[in-house]
Amino acid sequence: MPHSCAAWGCTNRCTVQTRSRGITFHSFPIDKELRMQWEEALRREGFTAGKSTRLCSEHFRQEDFDRTGQTVRIRAGVVPSLFNFPAHLQRPVTTRTSLNSKKAQESLSVDSSQPVQEPEPWPVPSVDHCYALPSSLDDLRARLSEALARVESLEKEKRNARDRERRAKNSVCGLLEDLRTKNLINEELKERLDSYSDIPVHLLSKQGQEYTKDQREFALTLHLHGPEAYNYLRESLHFNLPHPHTLQRWMTSFDTMPGLNVVMLDMLKRRQEDDPAKCRSVLNE
């Protein structure tokens, strides 16, 4: 989000339009004493500058800038002095008085019988640039154009993300269909692997030191139901799948307590229904 000037009533924002006009934006000094002087110069009640708070160059005099380098900088010790304050924020101008003027003032007597009624101070409005509208119609149009451009950019990023997701899903589905046509997997394995069709292809490449949980499940499922398809993906299509020895090491961490594996029995049942002559179960006591 572009920076806004923190000065009272200033609507300048760090945009292409302001940069073309030669307006620069400057952060508050790190020195605490000088930073407090900048904050007091703004005359905003309860204001405290943050790391992202900026003042534009229109609140400094020309001699306050150091333009010797490529970057326009504020000279050391300079305090902003050019502001367009309303009447109730204007400070009285202090003039130097001589000895004669002091004596003349002391000679003036004020009638103490008539109390002087001081005018009530005007309330100081709290102006925040995030909510205050620009004073001119041109500035309002410029801010609206920036907001519309931002919305259009986000919509474009959203469309591109959806296109990438759609292409990834199509790649996985097309790959499974290619394996089926090459007789490297059967319909049963294809149905089981279809559950992974929403995983982008780039997740099948090793990103760090270890494989993720989704990568392990995909590799184990594929190798368990179709070792030939697994080798085809790993060797012919150069997918960065783990070596079969790595899969064996992962399998040793599974629960191998005595009993029946329901998943394996379900797989054998389906194979027996497809081709009874090629399916048999062996029990090891």
Protein backbone atom coordinates (compact mmCIF):
# COMPACT_ATOMS: atom_id res chain seq x y z
CA MET A 1 0.00 0.00 0.00
CA PRO A 2 1.51 3.41 -0.96
CA HIS A 3 2.67 5.70 1.83
CA SER A 4 0.61 8.76 2.74
CA CYS A 5 1.90 12.03 4.13
CA ALA A 6 1.20 12.32 7.86
CA ALA A 7 0.90 16.13 7.88
CA TRP A 8 -2.41 17.73 8.87
CA GLY A 9 -4.69 18.13 5.84
CA CYS A 10 -2.08 16.88 3.35
CA THR A 11 -3.43 14.39 0.79
CA ASN A 12 -0.17 13.52 -0.96
CA ARG A 13 0.46 9.81 -1.42
CA CYS A 14 3.51 8.02 -2.82
CA THR A 15 2.25 7.35 -6.35
CA VAL A 16 3.48 7.73 -9.89
CA GLN A 17 1.66 11.06 -10.16
CA THR A 18 3.33 12.55 -7.08
CA ARG A 19 6.77 11.29 -8.10
CA SER A 20 6.34 12.89 -11.53
CA ARG A 21 5.71 16.19 -9.73
CA GLY A 22 9.02 15.83 -7.88
CA ILE A 23 7.44 15.10 -4.49
CA THR A 24 9.50 12.79 -2.29
CA PHE A 25 8.56 11.03 0.95
CA HIS A 26 10.81 10.80 4.00
CA SER A 27 10.67 8.70 7.17
CA PHE A 28 10.91 10.17 10.66
CA PRO A 29 14.44 10.43 12.14
CA ILE A 30 15.79 7.73 14.41
CA ASP A 31 17.10 10.23 16.97
CA LYS A 32 14.44 10.41 19.72
CA GLU A 33 14.79 14.14 20.41
CA LEU A 34 14.64 15.11 16.74
CA ARG A 35 11.80 12.65 16.19
CA MET A 36 9.78 14.34 18.95
CA GLN A 37 10.40 17.72 17.32
CA TRP A 38 8.99 16.36 14.04
CA GLU A 39 5.94 14.97 15.86
CA GLU A 40 5.33 18.28 17.66
CA ALA A 41 5.66 20.19 14.39
CA LEU A 42 2.67 18.27 12.99
CA ARG A 43 0.42 19.54 15.84
CA ARG A 44 -1.69 16.39 15.85
CA GLU A 45 -2.95 15.58 19.32
CA GLY A 46 -1.73 12.21 20.61
CA PHE A 47 0.21 11.52 17.40
CA THR A 48 3.16 9.13 17.51
CA ALA A 49 5.11 8.29 14.36
CA GLY A 50 5.66 4.65 13.43
CA LYS A 51 8.17 2.89 11.23
CA SER A 52 6.03 3.39 8.12
CA THR A 53 5.03 7.01 8.86
CA ARG A 54 6.17 9.44 6.16
CA LEU A 55 6.27 13.20 5.50
CA CYS A 56 6.30 14.55 1.97
CA SER A 57 8.82 17.10 0.71
CA GLU A 58 6.24 19.90 0.50
CA HIS A 59 6.65 20.52 4.24
CA PHE A 60 10.36 21.35 4.02
CA ARG A 61 12.21 24.34 2.62
CA GLN A 62 14.48 23.97 -0.39
CA GLU A 63 17.60 24.49 1.72
CA ASP A 64 16.54 21.57 3.96
CA PHE A 65 17.33 19.01 1.23
CA ASP A 66 20.60 17.33 0.32
CA ARG A 67 20.43 16.65 -3.43
CA THR A 68 24.09 15.82 -3.99
CA GLY A 69 23.49 12.06 -4.29
CA GLN A 70 21.08 9.96 -6.29
CA THR A 71 18.61 9.91 -3.38
CA VAL A 72 17.06 13.13 -2.06
CA ARG A 73 17.75 13.29 1.68
CA ILE A 74 16.82 15.62 4.54
CA ARG A 75 19.79 17.39 6.09
CA ALA A 76 20.73 16.52 9.66
CA GLY A 77 18.88 18.43 12.37
CA VAL A 78 16.19 19.80 10.04
CA VAL A 79 12.61 20.09 11.34
CA PRO A 80 9.62 20.40 8.96
CA SER A 81 8.23 23.93 8.97
CA LEU A 82 5.83 24.36 6.02
CA PHE A 83 2.26 23.43 6.94
CA ASN A 84 -1.20 24.64 6.03
CA PHE A 85 -2.79 24.65 9.47
CA PRO A 86 -6.31 25.98 10.12
CA ALA A 87 -6.80 29.08 12.25
CA HIS A 88 -7.29 27.22 15.52
CA LEU A 89 -3.94 25.43 15.09
CA GLN A 90 -1.95 28.54 14.17
CA ARG A 91 0.54 29.51 16.84
CA PRO A 92 0.92 33.21 17.67
CA VAL A 93 3.94 34.80 16.02
CA THR A 94 6.50 35.74 18.65
CA THR A 95 8.34 39.00 17.98
CA ARG A 96 11.53 40.22 19.58
CA THR A 97 10.96 42.96 22.13
CA SER A 98 13.42 45.65 23.12
CA LEU A 99 13.89 47.27 26.52
CA ASN A 100 11.79 50.30 25.57
CA SER A 101 8.92 48.14 24.37
CA LYS A 102 8.96 46.21 27.64
CA LYS A 103 8.75 49.46 29.61
CA ALA A 104 5.89 50.64 27.42
CA GLN A 105 4.02 47.43 28.04
CA GLU A 106 4.58 47.69 31.76
CA SER A 107 3.21 51.25 31.73
CA LEU A 108 -0.09 50.04 30.33
CA SER A 109 -2.60 49.36 33.09
CA VAL A 110 -5.29 46.80 32.71
CA ASP A 111 -8.58 47.34 34.48
CA SER A 112 -8.76 44.37 36.83
CA SER A 113 -12.40 45.03 37.60
CA GLN A 114 -13.39 43.69 34.20
CA PRO A 115 -12.26 40.07 33.86
CA VAL A 116 -10.99 39.12 30.47
CA GLN A 117 -12.94 36.20 29.01
CA GLU A 118 -10.68 33.92 27.02
CA PRO A 119 -12.21 32.33 23.92
CA GLU A 120 -12.82 28.62 24.11
CA PRO A 121 -10.35 26.61 22.01
CA TRP A 122 -11.65 24.91 18.90
CA PRO A 123 -11.71 21.10 19.04
CA VAL A 124 -8.80 19.56 17.18
CA PRO A 125 -10.14 17.17 14.55
CA SER A 126 -8.46 13.80 14.26
CA VAL A 127 -7.44 13.42 10.64
CA ASP A 128 -6.30 10.01 9.48
CA HIS A 129 -5.21 9.67 5.87
CA CYS A 130 -6.54 6.14 5.64
CA TYR A 131 -10.11 7.49 5.95
CA ALA A 132 -9.99 11.18 5.03
CA LEU A 133 -11.09 11.98 1.48
CA PRO A 134 -8.91 14.21 -0.70
CA SER A 135 -9.87 17.87 -0.81
CA SER A 136 -9.81 18.13 -4.61
CA LEU A 137 -11.76 16.15 -7.17
CA ASP A 138 -8.60 15.33 -9.17
CA ASP A 139 -6.95 13.72 -6.15
CA LEU A 140 -10.12 11.71 -5.52
CA ARG A 141 -10.11 10.47 -9.12
CA ALA A 142 -6.43 9.52 -8.82
CA ARG A 143 -7.07 7.53 -5.63
CA LEU A 144 -10.04 5.78 -7.24
CA SER A 145 -7.93 4.86 -10.28
CA GLU A 146 -5.25 3.36 -8.02
CA ALA A 147 -7.85 1.30 -6.14
CA LEU A 148 -9.39 0.01 -9.37
CA ALA A 149 -5.95 -0.88 -10.72
CA ARG A 150 -5.21 -2.80 -7.52
CA VAL A 151 -8.49 -4.72 -7.80
CA GLU A 152 -7.76 -5.58 -11.43
CA SER A 153 -4.27 -6.82 -10.50
CA LEU A 154 -5.67 -9.08 -7.76
CA GLU A 155 -8.33 -10.46 -10.10
CA LYS A 156 -5.63 -11.29 -12.63
CA GLU A 157 -3.55 -13.10 -10.00
CA LYS A 158 -6.65 -15.05 -8.96
CA ARG A 159 -7.35 -16.13 -12.56
CA ASN A 160 -3.73 -17.19 -13.06
CA ALA A 161 -3.80 -19.26 -9.85
CA ARG A 162 -6.97 -21.03 -10.98
CA ASP A 163 -5.43 -21.74 -14.39
CA ARG A 164 -2.33 -23.25 -12.77
CA GLU A 165 -4.49 -25.44 -10.54
CA ARG A 166 -6.59 -26.60 -13.51
CA ARG A 167 -3.49 -27.45 -15.58
CA ALA A 168 -1.98 -29.40 -12.68
CA LYS A 169 -5.15 -31.47 -12.23
CA ASN A 170 -5.35 -32.15 -15.96
CA SER A 171 -1.69 -33.24 -15.98
CA VAL A 172 -2.25 -35.76 -13.18
CA CYS A 173 -5.45 -37.12 -14.75
CA GLY A 174 -3.77 -37.36 -18.16
CA LEU A 175 -0.81 -39.17 -16.64
CA LEU A 176 -3.06 -41.77 -15.00
CA GLU A 177 -4.90 -42.33 -18.26
CA ASP A 178 -1.57 -42.76 -20.07
CA LEU A 179 -0.50 -45.39 -17.55
CA ARG A 180 -3.78 -47.24 -18.01
CA THR A 181 -3.50 -47.29 -21.82
CA LYS A 182 0.03 -48.67 -21.53
CA ASN A 183 -1.36 -51.48 -19.33
CA LEU A 184 0.90 -50.37 -16.49
CA ILE A 185 -2.04 -49.97 -14.11
CA ASN A 186 -5.51 -51.47 -14.00
CA GLU A 187 -8.84 -49.78 -13.43
CA GLU A 188 -8.69 -50.48 -9.71
CA LEU A 189 -5.36 -48.73 -9.28
CA LYS A 190 -6.52 -45.87 -11.47
CA GLU A 191 -9.56 -45.37 -9.23
CA ARG A 192 -7.39 -45.36 -6.13
CA LEU A 193 -4.93 -42.88 -7.64
CA ASP A 194 -7.74 -40.63 -8.83
CA SER A 195 -8.06 -39.50 -5.21
CA TYR A 196 -4.67 -37.83 -5.67
CA SER A 197 -5.72 -35.95 -8.81
CA ASP A 198 -6.12 -32.72 -6.83
CA ILE A 199 -2.44 -32.80 -5.82
CA PRO A 200 -0.37 -30.51 -8.10
CA VAL A 201 2.37 -32.19 -10.08
CA HIS A 202 5.08 -30.07 -8.49
CA LEU A 203 4.33 -31.71 -5.12
CA LEU A 204 5.72 -34.94 -6.56
CA SER A 205 9.18 -33.36 -6.79
CA LYS A 206 11.27 -33.40 -3.64
CA GLN A 207 11.33 -29.88 -2.21
CA GLY A 208 13.44 -30.36 0.91
CA GLN A 209 15.36 -32.96 2.86
CA GLU A 210 12.33 -35.23 3.37
CA TYR A 211 9.20 -36.16 1.48
CA THR A 212 5.89 -34.78 2.69
CA LYS A 213 3.08 -36.94 4.04
CA ASP A 214 1.11 -36.64 0.77
CA GLN A 215 4.16 -37.63 -1.27
CA ARG A 216 4.76 -40.70 0.90
CA GLU A 217 1.14 -41.83 0.65
CA PHE A 218 1.11 -41.39 -3.12
CA ALA A 219 4.40 -43.26 -3.59
CA LEU A 220 3.42 -46.15 -1.30
CA THR A 221 -0.01 -46.51 -2.91
CA LEU A 222 1.40 -46.49 -6.42
CA HIS A 223 4.20 -48.96 -5.67
CA LEU A 224 1.92 -51.25 -3.67
CA HIS A 225 -0.65 -51.63 -6.45
CA GLY A 226 1.57 -51.24 -9.50
CA PRO A 227 5.36 -51.55 -9.26
CA GLU A 228 5.68 -51.36 -13.06
CA ALA A 229 3.78 -48.08 -13.18
CA TYR A 230 5.94 -46.80 -10.33
CA ASN A 231 9.16 -47.63 -12.19
CA TYR A 232 7.75 -46.09 -15.39
CA LEU A 233 7.08 -42.80 -13.62
CA ARG A 234 10.43 -42.85 -11.86
CA GLU A 235 12.72 -43.94 -14.70
CA SER A 236 10.97 -43.00 -17.95
CA LEU A 237 9.19 -39.80 -16.96
CA HIS A 238 11.92 -38.87 -14.43
CA PHE A 239 9.58 -38.15 -11.53
CA ASN A 240 11.59 -37.60 -8.37
CA LEU A 241 9.97 -40.52 -6.57
CA PRO A 242 11.76 -42.29 -3.72
CA HIS A 243 13.76 -45.42 -4.44
CA PRO A 244 11.97 -48.74 -3.78
CA HIS A 245 14.48 -49.42 -1.00
CA THR A 246 13.31 -46.22 0.65
CA LEU A 247 9.72 -47.46 0.42
CA GLN A 248 10.75 -50.70 2.10
CA ARG A 249 12.33 -48.73 4.93
CA TRP A 250 9.10 -46.76 5.35
CA MET A 251 7.09 -49.99 5.41
CA THR A 252 9.15 -51.29 8.34
CA SER A 253 7.77 -48.47 10.48
CA PHE A 254 4.18 -49.65 9.94
CA ASP A 255 2.27 -51.75 12.42
CA THR A 256 3.04 -55.39 11.63
CA MET A 257 1.09 -57.01 14.45
CA PRO A 258 -0.60 -60.34 13.67
CA GLY A 259 -3.97 -60.02 12.02
CA LEU A 260 -5.68 -59.41 8.70
CA ASN A 261 -5.04 -56.32 6.61
CA VAL A 262 -8.48 -55.14 5.58
CA VAL A 263 -7.10 -52.97 2.78
CA MET A 264 -5.20 -55.88 1.23
CA LEU A 265 -8.20 -58.20 1.52
CA ASP A 266 -10.38 -55.65 -0.23
CA MET A 267 -7.83 -55.36 -3.04
CA LEU A 268 -7.63 -59.15 -3.42
CA LYS A 269 -11.40 -59.39 -3.53
CA ARG A 270 -11.59 -56.92 -6.39
CA ARG A 271 -8.86 -58.69 -8.33
CA GLN A 272 -10.58 -62.04 -7.82
CA GLU A 273 -13.79 -60.59 -9.24
CA ASP A 274 -11.92 -59.29 -12.31
CA ASP A 275 -9.94 -62.47 -12.99
CA PRO A 276 -10.51 -65.40 -10.57
CA ALA A 277 -7.77 -67.54 -12.14
CA LYS A 278 -5.03 -65.04 -11.37
CA CYS A 279 -5.76 -64.42 -7.73
CA ARG A 280 -4.95 -66.59 -4.74
CA SER A 281 -4.24 -66.01 -1.08
CA VAL A 282 -1.44 -67.62 0.88
CA LEU A 283 -1.51 -67.81 4.67
CA ASN A 284 1.72 -68.03 6.62
CA GLU A 285 1.43 -69.48 10.10
